[in-house]
């Protein structure tokens, strides 16, 4: 187990002593992705990103959704997203994304099934904020998925 002091020393070695992440990881005998995460945490949150209280952190569902939306919308890596939101492991973000994607798939199936059973109304395309009908349909579908996902999380 790496102490907070060792993590901080590794980050300082990277920035001030120009030691590579490979060299630091080899010296500490750990995987290099930990070093990269600590560096990103330090960049976004300074020392508070590295030194944190021990124990389990319980994240709110709304926070998880915000993180996943950021990940999808920006295209940031799992590591960058974890660092930006001060999450101690990229694996946590990966797990949330996997859960969200599987639930989103279920919700999408339900929405498609509902849409198929509903009679289609032919309405002329209107110029609503310059969006096409397909764009509006996609937005509605996304909002339905998000709403259904939130309901499932609370259940």
Protein backbone atom coordinates (compact mmCIF):
# COMPACT_ATOMS: atom_id res chain seq x y z
CA UNK A 1 0.00 0.00 0.00
CA UNK A 2 1.36 3.38 -1.04
CA UNK A 3 1.10 6.13 1.55
CA UNK A 4 -0.11 9.65 0.78
CA UNK A 5 3.42 10.92 1.43
CA UNK A 6 4.84 8.51 -1.17
CA UNK A 7 2.20 9.62 -3.67
CA UNK A 8 3.05 13.25 -3.09
CA UNK A 9 6.78 12.49 -3.35
CA UNK A 10 6.15 10.72 -6.66
CA UNK A 11 4.28 13.73 -8.05
CA UNK A 12 7.02 16.09 -6.89
CA UNK A 13 9.62 13.82 -8.49
CA UNK A 14 7.70 14.02 -11.74
CA UNK A 15 7.33 17.82 -11.77
CA UNK A 16 10.51 19.03 -10.07
CA UNK A 17 13.06 16.29 -10.70
CA UNK A 18 11.91 15.48 -14.24
CA UNK A 19 11.63 11.81 -13.38
CA UNK A 20 9.41 9.90 -15.84
CA UNK A 21 6.27 8.07 -14.82
CA UNK A 22 8.01 4.86 -15.90
CA UNK A 23 10.98 5.50 -13.59
CA UNK A 24 8.76 6.40 -10.64
CA UNK A 25 6.53 3.36 -11.17
CA UNK A 26 9.57 1.10 -11.39
CA UNK A 27 11.02 2.54 -8.19
CA UNK A 28 7.71 2.14 -6.32
CA UNK A 29 7.02 -1.22 -7.99
CA UNK A 30 3.52 -0.28 -9.10
CA UNK A 31 1.68 0.15 -12.39
CA UNK A 32 2.40 3.41 -14.18
CA UNK A 33 -1.29 4.36 -14.50
CA UNK A 34 -1.36 5.10 -10.74
CA UNK A 35 1.41 7.67 -11.20
CA UNK A 36 -0.46 9.28 -14.11
CA UNK A 37 -3.66 9.44 -12.02
CA UNK A 38 -1.85 11.08 -9.10
CA UNK A 39 -0.32 13.64 -11.48
CA UNK A 40 -3.73 14.48 -12.94
CA UNK A 41 -5.32 14.65 -9.48
CA UNK A 42 -2.59 17.05 -8.42
CA UNK A 43 -3.07 19.19 -11.55
CA UNK A 44 -6.80 19.59 -10.93
CA UNK A 45 -6.98 19.60 -7.11
CA UNK A 46 -3.46 20.31 -5.80
CA UNK A 47 -2.48 18.42 -2.62
CA UNK A 48 -6.13 17.72 -1.71
CA UNK A 49 -6.31 15.45 -4.76
CA UNK A 50 -3.47 13.31 -3.46
CA UNK A 51 -4.02 13.34 0.30
CA UNK A 52 -7.54 12.26 1.09
CA UNK A 53 -9.33 10.82 4.08
CA UNK A 54 -9.31 7.04 4.23
CA UNK A 55 -12.52 5.10 3.87
CA UNK A 56 -15.35 4.55 1.48
CA UNK A 57 -16.90 7.44 -0.42
CA UNK A 58 -20.58 7.15 -1.29
CA UNK A 59 -21.40 9.13 -4.43
CA UNK A 60 -24.87 10.45 -5.22
CA UNK A 61 -26.55 9.13 -8.36
CA UNK A 62 -26.78 12.64 -9.78
CA UNK A 63 -23.00 13.00 -9.40
CA UNK A 64 -22.42 9.67 -11.18
CA UNK A 65 -24.62 10.75 -14.08
CA UNK A 66 -22.82 14.09 -14.28
CA UNK A 67 -19.47 12.24 -14.49
CA UNK A 68 -20.68 9.85 -17.20
CA UNK A 69 -22.24 12.68 -19.21
CA UNK A 70 -18.94 14.57 -19.02
CA UNK A 71 -17.04 11.46 -20.12
CA UNK A 72 -19.30 10.92 -23.13
CA UNK A 73 -19.66 14.56 -24.17
CA UNK A 74 -15.99 15.56 -23.90
CA UNK A 75 -14.33 12.33 -24.96
CA UNK A 76 -11.91 12.60 -22.03
CA UNK A 77 -10.23 9.41 -20.95
CA UNK A 78 -11.31 7.52 -17.83
CA UNK A 79 -8.17 8.78 -16.09
CA UNK A 80 -8.79 12.42 -17.03
CA UNK A 81 -12.42 12.20 -15.96
CA UNK A 82 -11.53 10.58 -12.64
CA UNK A 83 -8.96 13.29 -11.96
CA UNK A 84 -11.28 16.12 -12.98
CA UNK A 85 -13.98 14.95 -10.55
CA UNK A 86 -11.47 13.94 -7.84
CA UNK A 87 -12.36 10.25 -7.99
CA UNK A 88 -9.51 8.12 -6.66
CA UNK A 89 -9.72 5.42 -9.33
CA UNK A 90 -10.43 5.34 -13.05
CA UNK A 91 -11.94 1.91 -12.46
CA UNK A 92 -14.77 3.56 -10.52
CA UNK A 93 -15.60 5.67 -13.58
CA UNK A 94 -15.32 2.60 -15.82
CA UNK A 95 -17.76 0.69 -13.57
CA UNK A 96 -20.25 3.60 -13.57
CA UNK A 97 -20.05 3.86 -17.36
CA UNK A 98 -20.61 0.14 -17.78
CA UNK A 99 -23.63 0.24 -15.43
CA UNK A 100 -25.05 3.28 -17.19
CA UNK A 101 -24.57 1.78 -20.65
CA UNK A 102 -26.26 -1.49 -19.70
CA UNK A 103 -29.19 0.34 -18.09
CA UNK A 104 -29.37 2.77 -21.01
CA UNK A 105 -29.58 -0.20 -23.39
CA UNK A 106 -32.50 -1.66 -21.42
CA UNK A 107 -34.26 1.70 -21.38
CA UNK A 108 -33.65 2.23 -25.09
CA UNK A 109 -35.22 -1.15 -25.82
CA UNK A 110 -38.27 -0.23 -23.74
CA UNK A 111 -38.59 3.16 -25.46
CA UNK A 112 -38.31 1.58 -28.92
CA UNK A 113 -40.93 -1.00 -27.98
CA UNK A 114 -43.29 1.75 -26.77
CA UNK A 115 -42.72 3.79 -29.92
CA UNK A 116 -43.50 0.81 -32.15
CA UNK A 117 -46.82 0.19 -30.40
CA UNK A 118 -47.89 3.84 -30.61
CA UNK A 119 -49.70 5.04 -33.74
CA UNK A 120 -47.55 7.44 -35.72
CA UNK A 121 -48.85 10.94 -36.24
CA UNK A 122 -47.69 12.73 -39.35
CA UNK A 123 -46.96 16.30 -38.41
CA UNK A 124 -45.18 18.80 -40.62
CA UNK A 125 -41.62 19.60 -39.59
CA UNK A 126 -41.50 22.96 -37.86
CA UNK A 127 -38.53 25.23 -37.46
CA UNK A 128 -38.16 24.89 -33.67
CA UNK A 129 -34.87 26.57 -32.78
CA UNK A 130 -33.50 25.46 -36.17
CA UNK A 131 -33.48 21.77 -35.16
CA UNK A 132 -34.51 19.08 -37.57
CA UNK A 133 -37.21 16.60 -36.68
CA UNK A 134 -34.61 13.83 -36.35
CA UNK A 135 -32.55 15.94 -33.94
CA UNK A 136 -35.62 16.60 -31.82
CA UNK A 137 -36.51 12.90 -31.81
CA UNK A 138 -32.96 12.02 -30.72
CA UNK A 139 -33.12 14.58 -27.93
CA UNK A 140 -36.47 13.26 -26.71
CA UNK A 141 -35.16 9.70 -26.81
CA UNK A 142 -32.07 10.71 -24.80
CA UNK A 143 -34.19 12.51 -22.19
CA UNK A 144 -36.53 9.54 -21.89
CA UNK A 145 -33.55 7.22 -21.38
CA UNK A 146 -32.07 9.50 -18.75
CA UNK A 147 -35.40 9.81 -16.95
CA UNK A 148 -35.99 6.05 -16.96
CA UNK A 149 -32.42 5.45 -15.77
CA UNK A 150 -32.90 7.80 -12.83
CA UNK A 151 -36.16 6.06 -11.92
CA UNK A 152 -34.42 2.67 -12.00
CA UNK A 153 -31.60 3.94 -9.81
CA UNK A 154 -34.07 5.13 -7.17
CA UNK A 155 -35.98 1.84 -7.27
